[in-house]
Amino acid sequence: QFWQTNRDLMMTRDELKEELKNTEGNPHMKARMRRRRTA
């Protein structure tokens, strides 16, 4: 059951990118904010 559950919860690369975008924010926006703080 542990193996089957972990297998069912595995993610595609698109899902992983989408989740990282939702949790950490848009990478382009973060880069722009980082450049602004540096300036």
All heavy atoms as atom14 arrays in JSON, in Angstrom:
{
  "sequence": "QFWQTNRDLMMTRDELKEELKNTEGNPHMKARMRRRRTA",
  "atom14_mask": [
    [1, 1, 1, 1, 1, 1, 1, 1, 1, 0, 0, 0, 0, 0],
    [1, 1, 1, 1, 1, 1, 1, 1, 1, 1, 1, 0, 0, 0],
    [1, 1, 1, 1, 1, 1, 1, 1, 1, 1, 1, 1, 1, 1],
    [1, 1, 1, 1, 1, 1, 1, 1, 1, 0, 0, 0, 0, 0],
    [1, 1, 1, 1, 1, 1, 1, 0, 0, 0, 0, 0, 0, 0],
    [1, 1, 1, 1, 1, 1, 1, 1, 0, 0, 0, 0, 0, 0],
    [1, 1, 1, 1, 1, 1, 1, 1, 1, 1, 1, 0, 0, 0],
    [1, 1, 1, 1, 1, 1, 1, 1, 0, 0, 0, 0, 0, 0],
    [1, 1, 1, 1, 1, 1, 1, 1, 0, 0, 0, 0, 0, 0],
    [1, 1, 1, 1, 1, 1, 1, 1, 0, 0, 0, 0, 0, 0],
    [1, 1, 1, 1, 1, 1, 1, 1, 0, 0, 0, 0, 0, 0],
    [1, 1, 1, 1, 1, 1, 1, 0, 0, 0, 0, 0, 0, 0],
    [1, 1, 1, 1, 1, 1, 1, 1, 1, 1, 1, 0, 0, 0],
    [1, 1, 1, 1, 1, 1, 1, 1, 0, 0, 0, 0, 0, 0],
    [1, 1, 1, 1, 1, 1, 1, 1, 1, 0, 0, 0, 0, 0],
    [1, 1, 1, 1, 1, 1, 1, 1, 0, 0, 0, 0, 0, 0],
    [1, 1, 1, 1, 1, 1, 1, 1, 1, 0, 0, 0, 0, 0],
    [1, 1, 1, 1, 1, 1, 1, 1, 1, 0, 0, 0, 0, 0],
    [1, 1, 1, 1, 1, 1, 1, 1, 1, 0, 0, 0, 0, 0],
    [1, 1, 1, 1, 1, 1, 1, 1, 0, 0, 0, 0, 0, 0],
    [1, 1, 1, 1, 1, 1, 1, 1, 1, 0, 0, 0, 0, 0],
    [1, 1, 1, 1, 1, 1, 1, 1, 0, 0, 0, 0, 0, 0],
    [1, 1, 1, 1, 1, 1, 1, 0, 0, 0, 0, 0, 0, 0],
    [1, 1, 1, 1, 1, 1, 1, 1, 1, 0, 0, 0, 0, 0],
    [1, 1, 1, 1, 0, 0, 0, 0, 0, 0, 0, 0, 0, 0],
    [1, 1, 1, 1, 1, 1, 1, 1, 0, 0, 0, 0, 0, 0],
    [1, 1, 1, 1, 1, 1, 1, 0, 0, 0, 0, 0, 0, 0],
    [1, 1, 1, 1, 1, 1, 1, 1, 1, 1, 0, 0, 0, 0],
    [1, 1, 1, 1, 1, 1, 1, 1, 0, 0, 0, 0, 0, 0],
    [1, 1, 1, 1, 1, 1, 1, 1, 1, 0, 0, 0, 0, 0],
    [1, 1, 1, 1, 1, 0, 0, 0, 0, 0, 0, 0, 0, 0],
    [1, 1, 1, 1, 1, 1, 1, 1, 1, 1, 1, 0, 0, 0],
    [1, 1, 1, 1, 1, 1, 1, 1, 0, 0, 0, 0, 0, 0],
    [1, 1, 1, 1, 1, 1, 1, 1, 1, 1, 1, 0, 0, 0],
    [1, 1, 1, 1, 1, 1, 1, 1, 1, 1, 1, 0, 0, 0],
    [1, 1, 1, 1, 1, 1, 1, 1, 1, 1, 1, 0, 0, 0],
    [1, 1, 1, 1, 1, 1, 1, 1, 1, 1, 1, 0, 0, 0],
    [1, 1, 1, 1, 1, 1, 1, 0, 0, 0, 0, 0, 0, 0],
    [1, 1, 1, 1, 1, 0, 0, 0, 0, 0, 0, 0, 0, 0]
  ],
  "atom14_positions": [
    [[0.83, -1.21, 0.0], [0.0, 0.0, 0.0], [0.86, 1.26, 0.0], [0.52, 2.25, -0.66], [-0.92, 0.0, 1.23], [-1.93, -1.14, 1.27], [-2.93, -1.07, 0.12], [-3.16, 0.0, -0.45], [-3.53, -2.2, -0.2], [0.0, 0.0, 0.0], [0.0, 0.0, 0.0], [0.0, 0.0, 0.0], [0.0, 0.0, 0.0], [0.0, 0.0, 0.0]],
    [[1.96, 1.23, 0.73], [2.87, 2.39, 0.76], [3.47, 2.63, -0.61], [3.54, 3.77, -1.09], [3.97, 2.13, 1.8], [4.88, 3.31, 2.01], [4.51, 4.36, 2.83], [6.12, 3.36, 1.38], [5.36, 5.45, 3.02], [6.97, 4.44, 1.56], [6.58, 5.48, 2.39], [0.0, 0.0, 0.0], [0.0, 0.0, 0.0], [0.0, 0.0, 0.0]],
    [[3.9, 1.55, -1.27], [4.47, 1.69, -2.61], [3.42, 2.18, -3.6], [3.69, 3.06, -4.43], [5.03, 0.34, -3.05], [5.47, 0.32, -4.49], [6.64, 0.78, -5.0], [4.7, -0.17, -5.6], [6.67, 0.61, -6.36], [5.49, 0.02, -6.77], [3.45, -0.77, -5.73], [5.06, -0.36, -8.03], [3.02, -1.14, -6.99], [3.81, -0.93, -8.12]],
    [[2.21, 1.64, -3.54], [1.15, 2.02, -4.46], [0.72, 3.47, -4.25], [0.5, 4.21, -5.22], [-0.06, 1.09, -4.26], [-1.19, 1.32, -5.26], [-0.79, 0.99, -6.68], [-0.28, -0.09, -6.94], [-1.0, 1.91, -7.6], [0.0, 0.0, 0.0], [0.0, 0.0, 0.0], [0.0, 0.0, 0.0], [0.0, 0.0, 0.0], [0.0, 0.0, 0.0]],
    [[0.64, 3.91, -3.0], [0.24, 5.28, -2.72], [1.28, 6.26, -3.24], [0.95, 7.29, -3.86], [0.04, 5.48, -1.22], [-0.95, 4.56, -0.74], [-0.41, 6.89, -0.91], [0.0, 0.0, 0.0], [0.0, 0.0, 0.0], [0.0, 0.0, 0.0], [0.0, 0.0, 0.0], [0.0, 0.0, 0.0], [0.0, 0.0, 0.0], [0.0, 0.0, 0.0]],
    [[2.56, 5.99, -2.98], [3.62, 6.87, -3.48], [3.64, 6.9, -5.01], [3.92, 7.93, -5.62], [4.98, 6.42, -2.95], [5.14, 6.72, -1.48], [4.44, 7.58, -0.94], [6.04, 6.03, -0.82], [0.0, 0.0, 0.0], [0.0, 0.0, 0.0], [0.0, 0.0, 0.0], [0.0, 0.0, 0.0], [0.0, 0.0, 0.0], [0.0, 0.0, 0.0]],
    [[3.33, 5.76, -5.61], [3.3, 5.72, -7.07], [2.13, 6.55, -7.61], [2.28, 7.25, -8.62], [3.17, 4.27, -7.53], [3.21, 4.1, -9.04], [3.03, 2.64, -9.43], [3.05, 2.46, -10.88], [2.81, 1.31, -11.49], [2.55, 0.23, -10.76], [2.83, 1.24, -12.8], [0.0, 0.0, 0.0], [0.0, 0.0, 0.0], [0.0, 0.0, 0.0]],
    [[0.98, 6.48, -6.94], [-0.17, 7.27, -7.39], [0.07, 8.77, -7.23], [-0.49, 9.57, -7.98], [-1.42, 6.86, -6.6], [-1.86, 5.44, -6.94], [-1.46, 4.93, -8.01], [-2.58, 4.83, -6.13], [0.0, 0.0, 0.0], [0.0, 0.0, 0.0], [0.0, 0.0, 0.0], [0.0, 0.0, 0.0], [0.0, 0.0, 0.0], [0.0, 0.0, 0.0]],
    [[0.87, 9.15, -6.23], [1.09, 10.56, -5.96], [2.25, 11.16, -6.75], [2.52, 12.35, -6.62], [1.36, 10.77, -4.45], [0.18, 10.49, -3.52], [0.61, 10.64, -2.08], [-0.98, 11.43, -3.83], [0.0, 0.0, 0.0], [0.0, 0.0, 0.0], [0.0, 0.0, 0.0], [0.0, 0.0, 0.0], [0.0, 0.0, 0.0], [0.0, 0.0, 0.0]],
    [[2.91, 10.34, -7.55], [4.0, 10.87, -8.37], [3.46, 11.91, -9.35], [2.27, 11.89, -9.72], [4.71, 9.74, -9.11], [5.53, 8.84, -8.2], [6.43, 7.54, -9.1], [7.64, 8.53, -9.99], [0.0, 0.0, 0.0], [0.0, 0.0, 0.0], [0.0, 0.0, 0.0], [0.0, 0.0, 0.0], [0.0, 0.0, 0.0], [0.0, 0.0, 0.0]],
    [[4.32, 12.81, -9.79], [3.9, 13.96, -10.58], [4.62, 13.96, -11.93], [5.72, 13.42, -12.07], [4.23, 15.26, -9.83], [3.72, 15.3, -8.4], [4.34, 16.7, -7.47], [3.58, 18.06, -8.36], [0.0, 0.0, 0.0], [0.0, 0.0, 0.0], [0.0, 0.0, 0.0], [0.0, 0.0, 0.0], [0.0, 0.0, 0.0], [0.0, 0.0, 0.0]],
    [[3.96, 14.59, -12.89], [4.61, 14.84, -14.17], [5.5, 16.08, -14.04], [5.4, 16.83, -13.07], [3.57, 15.05, -15.28], [2.8, 16.23, -14.97], [2.63, 13.85, -15.36], [0.0, 0.0, 0.0], [0.0, 0.0, 0.0], [0.0, 0.0, 0.0], [0.0, 0.0, 0.0], [0.0, 0.0, 0.0], [0.0, 0.0, 0.0], [0.0, 0.0, 0.0]],
    [[6.34, 16.29, -15.03], [7.21, 17.46, -14.98], [6.41, 18.76, -15.07], [6.76, 19.76, -14.43], [8.22, 17.39, -16.13], [9.23, 16.26, -15.98], [10.25, 16.29, -17.09], [11.23, 15.22, -16.93], [12.24, 15.0, -17.75], [12.4, 15.78, -18.82], [13.09, 14.01, -17.52], [0.0, 0.0, 0.0], [0.0, 0.0, 0.0], [0.0, 0.0, 0.0]],
    [[5.34, 18.73, -15.85], [4.49, 19.93, -15.94], [3.82, 20.22, -14.6], [3.74, 21.38, -14.19], [3.44, 19.73, -17.03], [4.05, 19.68, -18.42], [5.2, 20.14, -18.57], [3.39, 19.17, -19.36], [0.0, 0.0, 0.0], [0.0, 0.0, 0.0], [0.0, 0.0, 0.0], [0.0, 0.0, 0.0], [0.0, 0.0, 0.0], [0.0, 0.0, 0.0]],
    [[3.33, 19.18, -13.92], [2.72, 19.39, -12.61], [3.73, 19.91, -11.61], [3.41, 20.77, -10.78], [2.12, 18.07, -12.1], [0.9, 17.61, -12.89], [0.41, 16.24, -12.43], [1.19, 15.52, -11.77], [-0.74, 15.89, -12.74], [0.0, 0.0, 0.0], [0.0, 0.0, 0.0], [0.0, 0.0, 0.0], [0.0, 0.0, 0.0], [0.0, 0.0, 0.0]],
    [[4.96, 19.4, -11.66], [6.0, 19.86, -10.75], [6.33, 21.32, -11.0], [6.45, 22.12, -10.05], [7.24, 18.99, -10.91], [8.4, 19.3, -9.96], [7.98, 19.11, -8.52], [9.6, 18.42, -10.28], [0.0, 0.0, 0.0], [0.0, 0.0, 0.0], [0.0, 0.0, 0.0], [0.0, 0.0, 0.0], [0.0, 0.0, 0.0], [0.0, 0.0, 0.0]],
    [[6.45, 21.71, -12.26], [6.74, 23.11, -12.58], [5.59, 24.02, -12.14], [5.82, 25.11, -11.61], [6.98, 23.25, -14.09], [8.25, 22.58, -14.57], [8.4, 22.75, -16.08], [9.66, 22.08, -16.59], [9.81, 22.19, -18.07], [0.0, 0.0, 0.0], [0.0, 0.0, 0.0], [0.0, 0.0, 0.0], [0.0, 0.0, 0.0], [0.0, 0.0, 0.0]],
    [[4.36, 23.56, -12.36], [3.21, 24.37, -11.97], [3.14, 24.55, -10.46], [2.84, 25.65, -9.97], [1.93, 23.71, -12.49], [0.67, 24.53, -12.26], [0.64, 25.8, -13.09], [1.33, 25.85, -14.14], [-0.07, 26.74, -12.7], [0.0, 0.0, 0.0], [0.0, 0.0, 0.0], [0.0, 0.0, 0.0], [0.0, 0.0, 0.0], [0.0, 0.0, 0.0]],
    [[3.43, 23.5, -9.72], [3.38, 23.6, -8.26], [4.49, 24.49, -7.73], [4.28, 25.29, -6.82], [3.49, 22.21, -7.62], [3.41, 22.25, -6.12], [3.14, 20.89, -5.52], [2.39, 20.11, -6.14], [3.68, 20.61, -4.45], [0.0, 0.0, 0.0], [0.0, 0.0, 0.0], [0.0, 0.0, 0.0], [0.0, 0.0, 0.0], [0.0, 0.0, 0.0]],
    [[5.69, 24.36, -8.31], [6.78, 25.24, -7.9], [6.45, 26.69, -8.2], [6.79, 27.59, -7.43], [8.07, 24.83, -8.6], [8.68, 23.49, -8.17], [9.91, 23.16, -9.02], [9.04, 23.5, -6.7], [0.0, 0.0, 0.0], [0.0, 0.0, 0.0], [0.0, 0.0, 0.0], [0.0, 0.0, 0.0], [0.0, 0.0, 0.0], [0.0, 0.0, 0.0]],
    [[5.77, 26.91, -9.33], [5.38, 28.28, -9.66], [4.36, 28.82, -8.67], [4.41, 29.99, -8.27], [4.81, 28.31, -11.08], [4.45, 29.71, -11.57], [3.76, 29.67, -12.91], [4.67, 29.1, -13.99], [4.03, 29.14, -15.32], [0.0, 0.0, 0.0], [0.0, 0.0, 0.0], [0.0, 0.0, 0.0], [0.0, 0.0, 0.0], [0.0, 0.0, 0.0]],
    [[3.42, 27.97, -8.24], [2.4, 28.41, -7.3], [2.95, 28.62, -5.91], [2.48, 29.5, -5.17], [1.26, 27.39, -7.26], [0.52, 27.32, -8.58], [0.47, 28.29, -9.33], [-0.08, 26.17, -8.87], [0.0, 0.0, 0.0], [0.0, 0.0, 0.0], [0.0, 0.0, 0.0], [0.0, 0.0, 0.0], [0.0, 0.0, 0.0], [0.0, 0.0, 0.0]],
    [[3.9, 27.78, -5.5], [4.43, 27.87, -4.13], [5.52, 28.93, -4.01], [5.57, 29.66, -3.03], [4.99, 26.52, -3.69], [5.95, 26.05, -4.65], [3.88, 25.51, -3.56], [0.0, 0.0, 0.0], [0.0, 0.0, 0.0], [0.0, 0.0, 0.0], [0.0, 0.0, 0.0], [0.0, 0.0, 0.0], [0.0, 0.0, 0.0], [0.0, 0.0, 0.0]],
    [[6.39, 29.02, -4.99], [7.52, 29.94, -4.9], [7.33, 31.2, -5.72], [8.14, 32.11, -5.66], [8.8, 29.23, -5.35], [9.14, 28.01, -4.49], [10.41, 27.34, -4.96], [11.03, 27.87, -5.91], [10.78, 26.31, -4.37], [0.0, 0.0, 0.0], [0.0, 0.0, 0.0], [0.0, 0.0, 0.0], [0.0, 0.0, 0.0], [0.0, 0.0, 0.0]],
    [[6.26, 31.25, -6.52], [6.03, 32.42, -7.35], [6.59, 32.25, -8.74], [7.36, 31.34, -9.03], [0.0, 0.0, 0.0], [0.0, 0.0, 0.0], [0.0, 0.0, 0.0], [0.0, 0.0, 0.0], [0.0, 0.0, 0.0], [0.0, 0.0, 0.0], [0.0, 0.0, 0.0], [0.0, 0.0, 0.0], [0.0, 0.0, 0.0], [0.0, 0.0, 0.0]],
    [[6.19, 33.14, -9.61], [6.65, 33.11, -11.0], [8.16, 33.4, -11.04], [8.62, 34.42, -10.52], [5.9, 34.17, -11.81], [6.11, 33.97, -13.3], [7.22, 33.74, -13.74], [5.03, 34.09, -14.06], [0.0, 0.0, 0.0], [0.0, 0.0, 0.0], [0.0, 0.0, 0.0], [0.0, 0.0, 0.0], [0.0, 0.0, 0.0], [0.0, 0.0, 0.0]],
    [[8.96, 32.55, -11.68], [10.42, 32.77, -11.71], [10.8, 34.1, -12.36], [11.74, 34.76, -11.92], [10.95, 31.58, -12.52], [9.88, 30.55, -12.45], [8.59, 31.27, -12.33], [0.0, 0.0, 0.0], [0.0, 0.0, 0.0], [0.0, 0.0, 0.0], [0.0, 0.0, 0.0], [0.0, 0.0, 0.0], [0.0, 0.0, 0.0], [0.0, 0.0, 0.0]],
    [[10.08, 34.5, -13.41], [10.4, 35.77, -14.07], [10.1, 36.95, -13.14], [10.87, 37.91, -13.08], [9.6, 35.9, -15.36], [9.87, 34.8, -16.35], [11.06, 34.69, -17.03], [9.12, 33.73, -16.74], [11.03, 33.63, -17.82], [9.87, 33.03, -17.67], [0.0, 0.0, 0.0], [0.0, 0.0, 0.0], [0.0, 0.0, 0.0], [0.0, 0.0, 0.0]],
    [[8.98, 36.86, -12.42], [8.66, 37.93, -11.49], [9.67, 37.99, -10.36], [10.08, 39.08, -9.92], [7.25, 37.7, -10.93], [6.77, 38.8, -9.99], [6.59, 40.39, -10.84], [5.2, 40.01, -11.91], [0.0, 0.0, 0.0], [0.0, 0.0, 0.0], [0.0, 0.0, 0.0], [0.0, 0.0, 0.0], [0.0, 0.0, 0.0], [0.0, 0.0, 0.0]],
    [[10.09, 36.81, -9.87], [11.08, 36.79, -8.8], [12.41, 37.37, -9.27], [13.07, 38.1, -8.53], [11.28, 35.35, -8.32], [10.11, 34.77, -7.56], [10.39, 33.37, -7.1], [11.55, 33.32, -6.14], [11.81, 31.97, -5.64], [0.0, 0.0, 0.0], [0.0, 0.0, 0.0], [0.0, 0.0, 0.0], [0.0, 0.0, 0.0], [0.0, 0.0, 0.0]],
    [[12.8, 37.04, -10.51], [14.05, 37.59, -11.02], [13.97, 39.11, -11.17], [14.94, 39.83, -10.86], [14.37, 36.95, -12.37], [0.0, 0.0, 0.0], [0.0, 0.0, 0.0], [0.0, 0.0, 0.0], [0.0, 0.0, 0.0], [0.0, 0.0, 0.0], [0.0, 0.0, 0.0], [0.0, 0.0, 0.0], [0.0, 0.0, 0.0], [0.0, 0.0, 0.0]],
    [[12.81, 39.61, -11.62], [12.65, 41.05, -11.76], [12.71, 41.74, -10.39], [13.35, 42.78, -10.24], [11.32, 41.35, -12.44], [11.25, 42.81, -12.85], [9.94, 43.22, -13.47], [9.07, 42.17, -13.92], [7.88, 42.39, -14.46], [7.47, 43.62, -14.62], [7.12, 41.4, -14.83], [0.0, 0.0, 0.0], [0.0, 0.0, 0.0], [0.0, 0.0, 0.0]],
    [[12.05, 41.15, -9.38], [12.09, 41.72, -8.04], [13.51, 41.67, -7.47], [13.95, 42.61, -6.79], [11.14, 40.95, -7.13], [9.67, 41.09, -7.5], [9.07, 42.78, -7.36], [9.21, 43.04, -5.6], [0.0, 0.0, 0.0], [0.0, 0.0, 0.0], [0.0, 0.0, 0.0], [0.0, 0.0, 0.0], [0.0, 0.0, 0.0], [0.0, 0.0, 0.0]],
    [[14.24, 40.59, -7.76], [15.61, 40.48, -7.28], [16.5, 41.54, -7.93], [17.33, 42.16, -7.25], [16.14, 39.08, -7.57], [17.51, 38.82, -6.96], [17.83, 37.34, -6.93], [17.65, 36.72, -8.23], [16.69, 35.85, -8.53], [15.8, 35.52, -7.6], [16.6, 35.31, -9.74], [0.0, 0.0, 0.0], [0.0, 0.0, 0.0], [0.0, 0.0, 0.0]],
    [[16.31, 41.78, -9.23], [17.08, 42.83, -9.9], [16.74, 44.21, -9.34], [17.63, 45.07, -9.2], [16.82, 42.78, -11.4], [17.44, 41.57, -12.1], [17.43, 41.78, -13.61], [16.08, 41.89, -14.13], [15.36, 40.88, -14.58], [15.87, 39.64, -14.55], [14.14, 41.06, -15.05], [0.0, 0.0, 0.0], [0.0, 0.0, 0.0], [0.0, 0.0, 0.0]],
    [[15.47, 44.38, -9.03], [15.06, 45.68, -8.48], [15.67, 45.91, -7.11], [16.16, 47.02, -6.81], [13.54, 45.74, -8.4], [13.0, 47.09, -7.95], [11.49, 47.09, -7.97], [10.95, 48.38, -7.54], [9.65, 48.65, -7.44], [8.76, 47.71, -7.79], [9.25, 49.83, -7.05], [0.0, 0.0, 0.0], [0.0, 0.0, 0.0], [0.0, 0.0, 0.0]],
    [[15.68, 44.88, -6.26], [16.28, 45.02, -4.93], [17.79, 45.27, -5.05], [18.36, 46.08, -4.3], [16.02, 43.78, -4.1], [14.58, 43.63, -3.64], [14.47, 42.57, -2.56], [14.89, 41.26, -3.06], [14.05, 40.37, -3.55], [12.76, 40.65, -3.65], [14.49, 39.2, -3.98], [0.0, 0.0, 0.0], [0.0, 0.0, 0.0], [0.0, 0.0, 0.0]],
    [[18.42, 44.59, -6.01], [19.86, 44.8, -6.21], [20.15, 46.22, -6.65], [21.12, 46.86, -6.18], [20.39, 43.8, -7.24], [20.11, 42.46, -6.81], [21.89, 43.96, -7.42], [0.0, 0.0, 0.0], [0.0, 0.0, 0.0], [0.0, 0.0, 0.0], [0.0, 0.0, 0.0], [0.0, 0.0, 0.0], [0.0, 0.0, 0.0], [0.0, 0.0, 0.0]],
    [[19.32, 46.75, -7.54], [19.52, 48.13, -8.02], [19.36, 49.13, -6.89], [20.13, 50.1, -6.78], [18.54, 48.43, -9.15], [0.0, 0.0, 0.0], [0.0, 0.0, 0.0], [0.0, 0.0, 0.0], [0.0, 0.0, 0.0], [0.0, 0.0, 0.0], [0.0, 0.0, 0.0], [0.0, 0.0, 0.0], [0.0, 0.0, 0.0], [0.0, 0.0, 0.0]]
  ]
}
